[in-house]
């Protein structure tokens, strides 16, 4: 059930350049996107149609608990304003919805994560692909739970591999007050082990300087894999592709999440924890699209874009390009870009 933590989007946020009011080939996202109110039970899409649903997770609570720089709660609406002017490179029959925001204004993170899970499951039931915008990286726990909820409802084994583009493992022990933006994958691991599911987790772009020896030990104990940011450059494409192929073999379903701090500070200054030696966006896009082409990806999100720390909208613009790459890759795979 959708709770009072959910708020449908005010579509006046979707404004931008209009090159033509009638020629779809000149359309931009703000001219094609429709509102999706998740409190309404009927499906807004024709049977058999395919599309995407954007969903915001407006939360800084996980970052606050993790002692980081808050500000990512404003990320979803800032990203929307950048997405508005993207060109529609997908066919006109591709559906694009804005499903609104999940709010966390009272510090009750777990309730907001549960609301996010309910919303993601609803999006999946409508036959749409979830594109979630954080918010802190605590968005990952609720997003993952939404896919799991949907799969259980449909009597599918909830086996989901997680590909996390991130400078950090986010495998810290859960705090007395609850989870944070640094505990999500530990929470998922604990839950998986308790229910007899495999914990298939690959952290891509990891920074040794941002993770303690204890976290590396924890990752090894849990069977988590990682690719160091330095190895992406020093070991090259053949190494990375092999690691990704090994991961792809472990699961039929993949959830991809990107923490904006995986990128070098020049490309992503507006994050909770900047990375001077982070990854180049072109490398991330290349390997992101490689995994998307597997056809196994069931959901995608970007976390920790903080507009208050951004410079000339560099970070929100990067988020825009990443969403563009995901949508176009999936549409190409499904033959919806013609």
C-alpha atoms as a PDB file:
ATOM      1  CA  UNK A   1       0.000   0.000   0.000  1.00  0.00           C
ATOM      2  CA  UNK A   2       1.380   3.434  -0.965  1.00  0.00           C
ATOM      3  CA  UNK A   3       1.740   5.578   2.153  1.00  0.00           C
ATOM      4  CA  UNK A   4       1.703   9.283   2.938  1.00  0.00           C
ATOM      5  CA  UNK A   5       5.474   9.172   2.294  1.00  0.00           C
ATOM      6  CA  UNK A   6       4.633   9.086  -1.383  1.00  0.00           C
ATOM      7  CA  UNK A   7       3.927  12.244  -3.376  1.00  0.00           C
ATOM      8  CA  UNK A   8       2.951  12.259  -7.066  1.00  0.00           C
ATOM      9  CA  UNK A   9       5.018  14.644  -9.158  1.00  0.00           C
ATOM     10  CA  UNK A  10       3.880  18.122 -10.094  1.00  0.00           C
ATOM     11  CA  UNK A  11       4.408  17.941 -13.851  1.00  0.00           C
ATOM     12  CA  UNK A  12       5.147  21.662 -14.135  1.00  0.00           C
ATOM     13  CA  UNK A  13       8.743  20.710 -13.226  1.00  0.00           C
ATOM     14  CA  UNK A  14       9.050  19.213 -16.729  1.00  0.00           C
ATOM     15  CA  UNK A  15       9.826  22.262 -18.837  1.00  0.00           C
ATOM     16  CA  UNK A  16      12.367  22.870 -21.573  1.00  0.00           C
ATOM     17  CA  UNK A  17      13.184  23.790 -25.118  1.00  0.00           C
ATOM     18  CA  UNK A  18      10.604  23.043 -27.817  1.00  0.00           C
ATOM     19  CA  UNK A  19      11.974  22.656 -31.330  1.00  0.00           C
ATOM     20  CA  UNK A  20       8.675  21.354 -32.682  1.00  0.00           C
ATOM     21  CA  UNK A  21       5.232  20.803 -31.194  1.00  0.00           C
ATOM     22  CA  UNK A  22       4.269  18.141 -33.747  1.00  0.00           C
ATOM     23  CA  UNK A  23       7.386  16.424 -35.151  1.00  0.00           C
ATOM     24  CA  UNK A  24       8.270  13.634 -32.719  1.00  0.00           C
ATOM     25  CA  UNK A  25      11.801  13.370 -34.124  1.00  0.00           C
ATOM     26  CA  UNK A  26      12.437  16.820 -32.634  1.00  0.00           C
ATOM     27  CA  UNK A  27      10.849  16.029 -29.255  1.00  0.00           C
ATOM     28  CA  UNK A  28      12.587  16.161 -25.908  1.00  0.00           C
ATOM     29  CA  UNK A  29      11.752  14.185 -22.785  1.00  0.00           C
ATOM     30  CA  UNK A  30       9.582  16.913 -21.267  1.00  0.00           C
ATOM     31  CA  UNK A  31       7.284  16.674 -24.309  1.00  0.00           C
ATOM     32  CA  UNK A  32       6.869  12.894 -24.074  1.00  0.00           C
ATOM     33  CA  UNK A  33       6.825  12.096 -20.357  1.00  0.00           C
ATOM     34  CA  UNK A  34       3.530  11.494 -18.548  1.00  0.00           C
ATOM     35  CA  UNK A  35       2.547  11.555 -14.891  1.00  0.00           C
ATOM     36  CA  UNK A  36       2.107   8.218 -13.122  1.00  0.00           C
ATOM     37  CA  UNK A  37       0.225   8.374  -9.827  1.00  0.00           C
ATOM     38  CA  UNK A  38       1.002   5.159  -7.950  1.00  0.00           C
ATOM     39  CA  UNK A  39      -2.071   5.548  -5.735  1.00  0.00           C
ATOM     40  CA  UNK A  40      -4.245   4.789  -8.776  1.00  0.00           C
ATOM     41  CA  UNK A  41      -4.775   1.077  -9.229  1.00  0.00           C
ATOM     42  CA  UNK A  42      -5.370   0.735 -12.968  1.00  0.00           C
ATOM     43  CA  UNK A  43      -2.505   0.429 -15.416  1.00  0.00           C
ATOM     44  CA  UNK A  44      -1.759   3.579 -17.459  1.00  0.00           C
ATOM     45  CA  UNK A  45      -0.109   1.626 -20.260  1.00  0.00           C
ATOM     46  CA  UNK A  46      -1.532  -0.512 -23.073  1.00  0.00           C
ATOM     47  CA  UNK A  47      -1.110  -4.239 -22.671  1.00  0.00           C
ATOM     48  CA  UNK A  48       2.210  -5.408 -24.054  1.00  0.00           C
ATOM     49  CA  UNK A  49       3.712  -1.917 -24.204  1.00  0.00           C
ATOM     50  CA  UNK A  50       7.151  -1.251 -22.729  1.00  0.00           C
ATOM     51  CA  UNK A  51       8.321   1.775 -20.846  1.00  0.00           C
ATOM     52  CA  UNK A  52      10.194   3.393 -17.995  1.00  0.00           C
ATOM     53  CA  UNK A  53       9.091   4.983 -14.747  1.00  0.00           C
ATOM     54  CA  UNK A  54      11.200   7.575 -12.942  1.00  0.00           C
ATOM     55  CA  UNK A  55      10.906   7.586  -9.157  1.00  0.00           C
ATOM     56  CA  UNK A  56      12.625   9.899  -6.683  1.00  0.00           C
ATOM     57  CA  UNK A  57      13.847   8.974  -3.198  1.00  0.00           C
ATOM     58  CA  UNK A  58      14.220  12.276  -1.356  1.00  0.00           C
ATOM     59  CA  UNK A  59      16.290  11.236   1.651  1.00  0.00           C
ATOM     60  CA  UNK A  60      19.389  12.476   3.447  1.00  0.00           C
ATOM     61  CA  UNK A  61      18.803  10.398   6.567  1.00  0.00           C
ATOM     62  CA  UNK A  62      21.170   7.564   5.607  1.00  0.00           C
ATOM     63  CA  UNK A  63      23.939  10.056   4.870  1.00  0.00           C
ATOM     64  CA  UNK A  64      23.317  11.817   8.177  1.00  0.00           C
ATOM     65  CA  UNK A  65      23.607   8.522  10.051  1.00  0.00           C
ATOM     66  CA  UNK A  66      26.780   7.777   8.097  1.00  0.00           C
ATOM     67  CA  UNK A  67      28.238  11.163   9.084  1.00  0.00           C
ATOM     68  CA  UNK A  68      28.443  12.409   5.508  1.00  0.00           C
ATOM     69  CA  UNK A  69      27.594  15.712   3.831  1.00  0.00           C
ATOM     70  CA  UNK A  70      23.825  15.923   3.495  1.00  0.00           C
ATOM     71  CA  UNK A  71      22.178  17.414   0.433  1.00  0.00           C
ATOM     72  CA  UNK A  72      21.276  14.452  -1.779  1.00  0.00           C
ATOM     73  CA  UNK A  73      17.612  14.684  -0.762  1.00  0.00           C
ATOM     74  CA  UNK A  74      17.302  17.498  -3.303  1.00  0.00           C
ATOM     75  CA  UNK A  75      18.839  15.326  -6.017  1.00  0.00           C
ATOM     76  CA  UNK A  76      15.709  13.872  -7.667  1.00  0.00           C
ATOM     77  CA  UNK A  77      14.101  17.172  -8.640  1.00  0.00           C
ATOM     78  CA  UNK A  78      17.449  18.652  -9.727  1.00  0.00           C
ATOM     79  CA  UNK A  79      18.025  15.625 -11.969  1.00  0.00           C
ATOM     80  CA  UNK A  80      14.514  15.934 -13.434  1.00  0.00           C
ATOM     81  CA  UNK A  81      15.229  19.499 -14.541  1.00  0.00           C
ATOM     82  CA  UNK A  82      18.284  18.249 -16.451  1.00  0.00           C
ATOM     83  CA  UNK A  83      16.471  15.249 -17.935  1.00  0.00           C
ATOM     84  CA  UNK A  84      13.756  17.511 -19.346  1.00  0.00           C
ATOM     85  CA  UNK A  85      15.811  18.643 -22.349  1.00  0.00           C
ATOM     86  CA  UNK A  86      17.129  15.220 -23.330  1.00  0.00           C
ATOM     87  CA  UNK A  87      16.195  14.284 -26.905  1.00  0.00           C
ATOM     88  CA  UNK A  88      13.814  11.365 -27.453  1.00  0.00           C
ATOM     89  CA  UNK A  89      16.057   8.889 -29.254  1.00  0.00           C
ATOM     90  CA  UNK A  90      13.605   6.075 -28.536  1.00  0.00           C
ATOM     91  CA  UNK A  91      10.536   5.365 -30.667  1.00  0.00           C
ATOM     92  CA  UNK A  92       7.272   7.138 -30.004  1.00  0.00           C
ATOM     93  CA  UNK A  93       5.665   3.934 -28.729  1.00  0.00           C
ATOM     94  CA  UNK A  94       8.161   3.787 -25.833  1.00  0.00           C
ATOM     95  CA  UNK A  95       6.399   4.825 -22.630  1.00  0.00           C
ATOM     96  CA  UNK A  96       8.034   7.290 -20.242  1.00  0.00           C
ATOM     97  CA  UNK A  97       6.467   8.132 -16.889  1.00  0.00           C
ATOM     98  CA  UNK A  98       7.316  10.170 -13.812  1.00  0.00           C
ATOM     99  CA  UNK A  99       6.030   8.226 -10.814  1.00  0.00           C
ATOM    100  CA  UNK A 100       6.750  10.939  -8.229  1.00  0.00           C
ATOM    101  CA  UNK A 101       8.793  10.928  -5.026  1.00  0.00           C
ATOM    102  CA  UNK A 102       9.185   8.945  -1.831  1.00  0.00           C
ATOM    103  CA  UNK A 103       9.893  11.364   1.033  1.00  0.00           C
ATOM    104  CA  UNK A 104      11.876  11.031   4.263  1.00  0.00           C
ATOM    105  CA  UNK A 105      11.308  14.223   6.215  1.00  0.00           C
ATOM    106  CA  UNK A 106      11.047  12.839   9.747  1.00  0.00           C
ATOM    107  CA  UNK A 107      14.191  10.704  10.113  1.00  0.00           C
ATOM    108  CA  UNK A 108      12.237   7.454   9.816  1.00  0.00           C
ATOM    109  CA  UNK A 109      14.431   5.974   7.121  1.00  0.00           C
ATOM    110  CA  UNK A 110      13.186   2.401   7.390  1.00  0.00           C
ATOM    111  CA  UNK A 111       9.591   3.501   6.781  1.00  0.00           C
ATOM    112  CA  UNK A 112      10.665   5.432   3.692  1.00  0.00           C
ATOM    113  CA  UNK A 113      12.694   2.480   2.409  1.00  0.00           C
ATOM    114  CA  UNK A 114       9.638   0.257   2.814  1.00  0.00           C
ATOM    115  CA  UNK A 115       7.528   2.822   0.936  1.00  0.00           C
ATOM    116  CA  UNK A 116      10.134   2.805  -1.828  1.00  0.00           C
ATOM    117  CA  UNK A 117       9.978  -0.994  -1.999  1.00  0.00           C
ATOM    118  CA  UNK A 118       6.195  -0.877  -2.349  1.00  0.00           C
ATOM    119  CA  UNK A 119       6.470   1.746  -5.094  1.00  0.00           C
ATOM    120  CA  UNK A 120       9.120  -0.195  -7.045  1.00  0.00           C
ATOM    121  CA  UNK A 121       7.035  -3.383  -6.835  1.00  0.00           C
ATOM    122  CA  UNK A 122       4.032  -1.437  -8.143  1.00  0.00           C
ATOM    123  CA  UNK A 123       6.085  -0.106 -11.061  1.00  0.00           C
ATOM    124  CA  UNK A 124       7.199  -3.656 -11.874  1.00  0.00           C
ATOM    125  CA  UNK A 125       3.575  -4.878 -11.734  1.00  0.00           C
ATOM    126  CA  UNK A 126       2.681  -2.233 -14.296  1.00  0.00           C
ATOM    127  CA  UNK A 127       5.271  -3.741 -16.631  1.00  0.00           C
ATOM    128  CA  UNK A 128       7.605  -0.743 -16.391  1.00  0.00           C
ATOM    129  CA  UNK A 129      11.351  -0.510 -15.807  1.00  0.00           C
ATOM    130  CA  UNK A 130      12.223   1.435 -12.615  1.00  0.00           C
ATOM    131  CA  UNK A 131      14.659   4.348 -12.910  1.00  0.00           C
ATOM    132  CA  UNK A 132      15.214   5.545  -9.347  1.00  0.00           C
ATOM    133  CA  UNK A 133      16.862   8.802  -8.339  1.00  0.00           C
ATOM    134  CA  UNK A 134      18.411   9.311  -4.902  1.00  0.00           C
ATOM    135  CA  UNK A 135      18.770  10.637  -2.356  1.00  0.00           C
ATOM    136  CA  UNK A 136      21.484   9.027  -0.318  1.00  0.00           C
ATOM    137  CA  UNK A 137      22.726   5.577  -1.267  1.00  0.00           C
ATOM    138  CA  UNK A 138      20.378   4.127   1.336  1.00  0.00           C
ATOM    139  CA  UNK A 139      18.031   4.168  -1.674  1.00  0.00           C
ATOM    140  CA  UNK A 140      19.628   0.835  -2.640  1.00  0.00           C
ATOM    141  CA  UNK A 141      18.047  -1.125   0.211  1.00  0.00           C
ATOM    142  CA  UNK A 142      14.500  -0.031  -0.607  1.00  0.00           C
ATOM    143  CA  UNK A 143      14.999  -0.390  -4.352  1.00  0.00           C
ATOM    144  CA  UNK A 144      16.381  -3.922  -3.982  1.00  0.00           C
ATOM    145  CA  UNK A 145      13.509  -4.874  -1.646  1.00  0.00           C
ATOM    146  CA  UNK A 146      11.002  -3.679  -4.236  1.00  0.00           C
ATOM    147  CA  UNK A 147      12.333  -6.092  -6.855  1.00  0.00           C
ATOM    148  CA  UNK A 148      12.410  -8.872  -4.297  1.00  0.00           C
ATOM    149  CA  UNK A 149       8.816  -8.131  -3.268  1.00  0.00           C
ATOM    150  CA  UNK A 150       7.669  -8.237  -6.891  1.00  0.00           C
ATOM    151  CA  UNK A 151       9.464 -11.526  -7.588  1.00  0.00           C
ATOM    152  CA  UNK A 152       8.047 -13.214  -4.486  1.00  0.00           C
ATOM    153  CA  UNK A 153       4.543 -12.057  -5.453  1.00  0.00           C
ATOM    154  CA  UNK A 154       5.022 -13.697  -8.850  1.00  0.00           C
ATOM    155  CA  UNK A 155       6.421 -16.911  -7.344  1.00  0.00           C
ATOM    156  CA  UNK A 156       9.910 -16.301  -8.700  1.00  0.00           C
ATOM    157  CA  UNK A 157      13.049 -17.053  -6.754  1.00  0.00           C
ATOM    158  CA  UNK A 158      14.227 -13.592  -5.594  1.00  0.00           C
ATOM    159  CA  UNK A 159      17.797 -14.125  -6.740  1.00  0.00           C
ATOM    160  CA  UNK A 160      19.193 -10.722  -7.673  1.00  0.00           C
ATOM    161  CA  UNK A 161      22.794  -9.878  -8.478  1.00  0.00           C
ATOM    162  CA  UNK A 162      23.890  -6.379  -7.468  1.00  0.00           C
ATOM    163  CA  UNK A 163      26.335  -4.341  -9.539  1.00  0.00           C
ATOM    164  CA  UNK A 164      27.358  -1.294  -7.523  1.00  0.00           C
ATOM    165  CA  UNK A 165      29.480   1.402  -9.171  1.00  0.00           C
ATOM    166  CA  UNK A 166      30.919   2.917  -6.014  1.00  0.00           C
ATOM    167  CA  UNK A 167      34.096   4.062  -4.302  1.00  0.00           C
ATOM    168  CA  UNK A 168      32.931   2.237  -1.153  1.00  0.00           C
ATOM    169  CA  UNK A 169      31.828  -1.296  -0.297  1.00  0.00           C
ATOM    170  CA  UNK A 170      28.938  -0.025   1.867  1.00  0.00           C
ATOM    171  CA  UNK A 171      29.194  -3.216   3.912  1.00  0.00           C
ATOM    172  CA  UNK A 172      29.439  -1.583   7.337  1.00  0.00           C
ATOM    173  CA  UNK A 173      27.717  -3.093  10.357  1.00  0.00           C
ATOM    174  CA  UNK A 174      24.224  -1.778  11.004  1.00  0.00           C
ATOM    175  CA  UNK A 175      24.066   1.037  13.555  1.00  0.00           C
ATOM    176  CA  UNK A 176      21.992   0.819  16.758  1.00  0.00           C
ATOM    177  CA  UNK A 177      19.635   3.417  15.274  1.00  0.00           C
ATOM    178  CA  UNK A 178      19.304   1.415  12.048  1.00  0.00           C
ATOM    179  CA  UNK A 179      20.785   1.303   8.575  1.00  0.00           C
ATOM    180  CA  UNK A 180      22.641   4.121   6.843  1.00  0.00           C
ATOM    181  CA  UNK A 181      24.120   5.010   3.472  1.00  0.00           C
ATOM    182  CA  UNK A 182      27.057   2.766   4.341  1.00  0.00           C
ATOM    183  CA  UNK A 183      25.226  -0.407   5.434  1.00  0.00           C
ATOM    184  CA  UNK A 184      22.773  -1.305   2.662  1.00  0.00           C
ATOM    185  CA  UNK A 185      24.662  -4.173   1.099  1.00  0.00           C
ATOM    186  CA  UNK A 186      25.539  -5.631   4.509  1.00  0.00           C
ATOM    187  CA  UNK A 187      21.818  -5.586   5.288  1.00  0.00           C
ATOM    188  CA  UNK A 188      21.060  -7.350   2.012  1.00  0.00           C
ATOM    189  CA  UNK A 189      23.857  -9.866   2.665  1.00  0.00           C
ATOM    190  CA  UNK A 190      22.558 -10.630   6.158  1.00  0.00           C
ATOM    191  CA  UNK A 191      19.030 -11.072   4.860  1.00  0.00           C
ATOM    192  CA  UNK A 192      20.200 -13.276   1.985  1.00  0.00           C
ATOM    193  CA  UNK A 193      22.196 -15.540   4.270  1.00  0.00           C
ATOM    194  CA  UNK A 194      19.249 -15.786   6.668  1.00  0.00           C
ATOM    195  CA  UNK A 195      16.855 -16.833   3.886  1.00  0.00           C
ATOM    196  CA  UNK A 196      19.255 -19.137   2.059  1.00  0.00           C
ATOM    197  CA  UNK A 197      19.784 -16.917  -0.979  1.00  0.00           C
ATOM    198  CA  UNK A 198      23.154 -16.301  -2.589  1.00  0.00           C
ATOM    199  CA  UNK A 199      24.670 -12.864  -2.071  1.00  0.00           C
ATOM    200  CA  UNK A 200      25.887 -11.891  -5.542  1.00  0.00           C
ATOM    201  CA  UNK A 201      27.543  -8.500  -5.225  1.00  0.00           C
ATOM    202  CA  UNK A 202      30.175  -6.743  -7.327  1.00  0.00           C
ATOM    203  CA  UNK A 203      31.517  -3.341  -6.308  1.00  0.00           C
ATOM    204  CA  UNK A 204      33.012  -1.575  -9.338  1.00  0.00           C
ATOM    205  CA  UNK A 205      35.388   1.387  -8.904  1.00  0.00           C
ATOM    206  CA  UNK A 206      36.378   0.708  -5.305  1.00  0.00           C
ATOM    207  CA  UNK A 207      38.921   3.027  -3.659  1.00  0.00           C
ATOM    208  CA  UNK A 208      41.397   1.374  -1.275  1.00  0.00           C
ATOM    209  CA  UNK A 209      41.803   4.712   0.501  1.00  0.00           C
ATOM    210  CA  UNK A 210      38.085   4.823   1.275  1.00  0.00           C
ATOM    211  CA  UNK A 211      37.679   1.366   2.802  1.00  0.00           C
ATOM    212  CA  UNK A 212      39.208  -0.136   5.943  1.00  0.00           C
ATOM    213  CA  UNK A 213      40.975  -3.491   6.054  1.00  0.00           C
ATOM    214  CA  UNK A 214      38.002  -4.746   8.061  1.00  0.00           C
ATOM    215  CA  UNK A 215      35.670  -3.940   5.158  1.00  0.00           C
ATOM    216  CA  UNK A 216      37.874  -5.882   2.747  1.00  0.00           C
ATOM    217  CA  UNK A 217      37.772  -8.827   5.184  1.00  0.00           C
ATOM    218  CA  UNK A 218      33.998  -8.539   5.478  1.00  0.00           C
ATOM    219  CA  UNK A 219      33.631  -8.525   1.694  1.00  0.00           C
ATOM    220  CA  UNK A 220      35.745 -11.662   1.414  1.00  0.00           C
ATOM    221  CA  UNK A 221      33.761 -13.440   4.140  1.00  0.00           C
ATOM    222  CA  UNK A 222      30.498 -12.573   2.367  1.00  0.00           C
ATOM    223  CA  UNK A 223      31.795 -13.674  -1.031  1.00  0.00           C
ATOM    224  CA  UNK A 224      31.529 -10.158  -2.478  1.00  0.00           C
ATOM    225  CA  UNK A 225      33.655  -9.234  -5.485  1.00  0.00           C
ATOM    226  CA  UNK A 226      35.244  -5.917  -6.362  1.00  0.00           C
ATOM    227  CA  UNK A 227      37.130  -4.095  -9.091  1.00  0.00           C
ATOM    228  CA  UNK A 228      39.480  -1.397  -7.859  1.00  0.00           C
ATOM    229  CA  UNK A 229      39.327   1.978  -9.572  1.00  0.00           C
ATOM    230  CA  UNK A 230      43.069   1.757 -10.212  1.00  0.00           C
ATOM    231  CA  UNK A 231      42.651  -1.650 -11.882  1.00  0.00           C
ATOM    232  CA  UNK A 232      40.106  -0.265 -14.351  1.00  0.00           C
ATOM    233  CA  UNK A 233      42.978   1.781 -15.801  1.00  0.00           C
ATOM    234  CA  UNK A 234      46.074  -0.317 -15.054  1.00  0.00           C
ATOM    235  CA  UNK A 235      44.664  -3.766 -15.960  1.00  0.00           C
ATOM    236  CA  UNK A 236      42.501  -2.563 -18.803  1.00  0.00           C
ATOM    237  CA  UNK A 237      39.411  -3.644 -20.699  1.00  0.00           C
ATOM    238  CA  UNK A 238      40.141  -7.372 -20.995  1.00  0.00           C
ATOM    239  CA  UNK A 239      40.463  -7.677 -17.212  1.00  0.00           C
ATOM    240  CA  UNK A 240      37.292  -5.704 -16.543  1.00  0.00           C
ATOM    241  CA  UNK A 241      35.219  -7.597 -19.110  1.00  0.00           C
ATOM    242  CA  UNK A 242      36.321 -10.934 -17.647  1.00  0.00           C
ATOM    243  CA  UNK A 243      35.295  -9.801 -14.156  1.00  0.00           C
ATOM    244  CA  UNK A 244      31.935  -8.613 -15.460  1.00  0.00           C
ATOM    245  CA  UNK A 245      31.392 -11.846 -17.401  1.00  0.00           C
ATOM    246  CA  UNK A 246      32.113 -13.887 -14.273  1.00  0.00           C
ATOM    247  CA  UNK A 247      29.550 -11.804 -12.394  1.00  0.00           C
ATOM    248  CA  UNK A 248      26.950 -12.073 -15.165  1.00  0.00           C
ATOM    249  CA  UNK A 249      27.167 -15.873 -14.980  1.00  0.00           C
ATOM    250  CA  UNK A 250      26.095 -15.878 -11.329  1.00  0.00           C
ATOM    251  CA  UNK A 251      22.544 -14.587 -11.728  1.00  0.00           C
ATOM    252  CA  UNK A 252      19.572 -14.189 -14.061  1.00  0.00           C
ATOM    253  CA  UNK A 253      18.581 -10.816 -12.636  1.00  0.00           C
ATOM    254  CA  UNK A 254      20.795  -7.780 -12.103  1.00  0.00           C
ATOM    255  CA  UNK A 255      20.089  -4.576 -10.236  1.00  0.00           C
ATOM    256  CA  UNK A 256      22.513  -1.748 -11.070  1.00  0.00           C
ATOM    257  CA  UNK A 257      23.168   1.112  -8.685  1.00  0.00           C
ATOM    258  CA  UNK A 258      25.589   4.009  -9.104  1.00  0.00           C
ATOM    259  CA  UNK A 259      26.899   6.113  -6.254  1.00  0.00           C
ATOM    260  CA  UNK A 260      28.038   9.404  -7.774  1.00  0.00           C
ATOM    261  CA  UNK A 261      31.199   9.333  -5.655  1.00  0.00           C
ATOM    262  CA  UNK A 262      32.615   6.626  -7.934  1.00  0.00           C
ATOM    263  CA  UNK A 263      33.563   9.398 -10.377  1.00  0.00           C
ATOM    264  CA  UNK A 264      36.586  11.675 -10.214  1.00  0.00           C
ATOM    265  CA  UNK A 265      35.834  14.985  -8.485  1.00  0.00           C
ATOM    266  CA  UNK A 266      36.256  16.910 -11.752  1.00  0.00           C
ATOM    267  CA  UNK A 267      33.178  15.112 -13.111  1.00  0.00           C
ATOM    268  CA  UNK A 268      31.198  14.827  -9.856  1.00  0.00           C
ATOM    269  CA  UNK A 269      31.930  17.573  -7.324  1.00  0.00           C
ATOM    270  CA  UNK A 270      28.377  17.499  -5.986  1.00  0.00           C
ATOM    271  CA  UNK A 271      28.564  14.343  -3.862  1.00  0.00           C
ATOM    272  CA  UNK A 272      28.746  13.414  -0.198  1.00  0.00           C
ATOM    273  CA  UNK A 273      32.362  12.164  -0.411  1.00  0.00           C
ATOM    274  CA  UNK A 274      34.398  13.482  -3.360  1.00  0.00           C
ATOM    275  CA  UNK A 275      37.003  11.280  -5.044  1.00  0.00           C
ATOM    276  CA  UNK A 276      40.076  13.010  -6.547  1.00  0.00           C
ATOM    277  CA  UNK A 277      41.139   9.752  -8.244  1.00  0.00           C
ATOM    278  CA  UNK A 278      37.712   8.402  -9.161  1.00  0.00           C
ATOM    279  CA  UNK A 279      36.639   6.943 -12.490  1.00  0.00           C
ATOM    280  CA  UNK A 280      36.139   8.692 -15.811  1.00  0.00           C
ATOM    281  CA  UNK A 281      32.463   8.755 -16.884  1.00  0.00           C
ATOM    282  CA  UNK A 282      33.259   7.282 -20.313  1.00  0.00           C
ATOM    283  CA  UNK A 283      34.679   4.161 -18.655  1.00  0.00           C
ATOM    284  CA  UNK A 284      31.574   3.767 -16.508  1.00  0.00           C
ATOM    285  CA  UNK A 285      29.235   4.263 -19.472  1.00  0.00           C
ATOM    286  CA  UNK A 286      31.145   1.681 -21.526  1.00  0.00           C
ATOM    287  CA  UNK A 287      30.914  -1.023 -18.869  1.00  0.00           C
ATOM    288  CA  UNK A 288      27.414  -0.016 -17.803  1.00  0.00           C
ATOM    289  CA  UNK A 289      26.191  -0.517 -21.364  1.00  0.00           C
ATOM    290  CA  UNK A 290      28.069  -3.821 -21.582  1.00  0.00           C
ATOM    291  CA  UNK A 291      26.063  -5.180 -18.645  1.00  0.00           C
ATOM    292  CA  UNK A 292      22.790  -3.692 -19.916  1.00  0.00           C
ATOM    293  CA  UNK A 293      23.321  -5.548 -23.189  1.00  0.00           C
ATOM    294  CA  UNK A 294      23.099  -8.830 -21.269  1.00  0.00           C
ATOM    295  CA  UNK A 295      19.346  -8.303 -21.058  1.00  0.00           C
ATOM    296  CA  UNK A 296      19.404  -9.256 -17.366  1.00  0.00           C
ATOM    297  CA  UNK A 297      19.037  -5.815 -15.797  1.00  0.00           C
ATOM    298  CA  UNK A 298      15.748  -5.266 -13.945  1.00  0.00           C
ATOM    299  CA  UNK A 299      16.313  -1.873 -12.326  1.00  0.00           C
ATOM    300  CA  UNK A 300      18.684   1.089 -12.162  1.00  0.00           C
ATOM    301  CA  UNK A 301      19.354   3.967  -9.800  1.00  0.00           C
ATOM    302  CA  UNK A 302      21.775   6.818  -9.147  1.00  0.00           C
ATOM    303  CA  UNK A 303      22.503   7.990  -5.613  1.00  0.00           C
ATOM    304  CA  UNK A 304      24.213  10.809  -3.715  1.00  0.00           C
ATOM    305  CA  UNK A 305      23.903  13.606  -6.246  1.00  0.00           C
ATOM    306  CA  UNK A 306      23.949  16.688  -4.002  1.00  0.00           C
ATOM    307  CA  UNK A 307      22.988  19.914  -5.817  1.00  0.00           C
ATOM    308  CA  UNK A 308      24.110  22.147  -2.930  1.00  0.00           C
ATOM    309  CA  UNK A 309      27.725  20.983  -3.430  1.00  0.00           C
ATOM    310  CA  UNK A 310      27.584  20.937  -7.228  1.00  0.00           C
ATOM    311  CA  UNK A 311      29.472  23.304  -9.527  1.00  0.00           C
ATOM    312  CA  UNK A 312      27.740  24.559 -12.698  1.00  0.00           C
ATOM    313  CA  UNK A 313      25.387  21.545 -12.487  1.00  0.00           C
ATOM    314  CA  UNK A 314      28.259  19.240 -13.438  1.00  0.00           C
ATOM    315  CA  UNK A 315      27.082  16.311 -11.290  1.00  0.00           C
ATOM    316  CA  UNK A 316      23.384  16.530 -12.166  1.00  0.00           C
ATOM    317  CA  UNK A 317      24.370  16.789 -15.833  1.00  0.00           C
ATOM    318  CA  UNK A 318      26.415  13.611 -15.450  1.00  0.00           C
ATOM    319  CA  UNK A 319      23.419  11.876 -13.868  1.00  0.00           C
ATOM    320  CA  UNK A 320      21.335  13.016 -16.845  1.00  0.00           C
ATOM    321  CA  UNK A 321      23.761  11.426 -19.317  1.00  0.00           C
ATOM    322  CA  UNK A 322      23.825   8.173 -17.349  1.00  0.00           C
ATOM    323  CA  UNK A 323      20.023   7.896 -17.401  1.00  0.00           C
ATOM    324  CA  UNK A 324      20.123   8.686 -21.133  1.00  0.00           C
ATOM    325  CA  UNK A 325      22.627   5.860 -21.685  1.00  0.00           C
ATOM    326  CA  UNK A 326      20.528   3.375 -19.710  1.00  0.00           C
ATOM    327  CA  UNK A 327      17.277   4.208 -21.505  1.00  0.00           C
ATOM    328  CA  UNK A 328      18.891   4.168 -24.952  1.00  0.00           C
ATOM    329  CA  UNK A 329      20.744   0.903 -24.297  1.00  0.00           C
ATOM    330  CA  UNK A 330      17.580  -0.875 -23.179  1.00  0.00           C
ATOM    331  CA  UNK A 331      15.582   0.544 -26.099  1.00  0.00           C
ATOM    332  CA  UNK A 332      18.241  -0.608 -28.570  1.00  0.00           C
ATOM    333  CA  UNK A 333      18.146  -4.063 -27.006  1.00  0.00           C
ATOM    334  CA  UNK A 334      14.361  -4.177 -27.412  1.00  0.00           C
ATOM    335  CA  UNK A 335      14.345  -2.630 -30.887  1.00  0.00           C
ATOM    336  CA  UNK A 336      12.640   0.543 -29.677  1.00  0.00           C
ATOM    337  CA  UNK A 337      15.081   3.107 -31.016  1.00  0.00           C
ATOM    338  CA  UNK A 338      13.893   3.077 -34.607  1.00  0.00           C
END
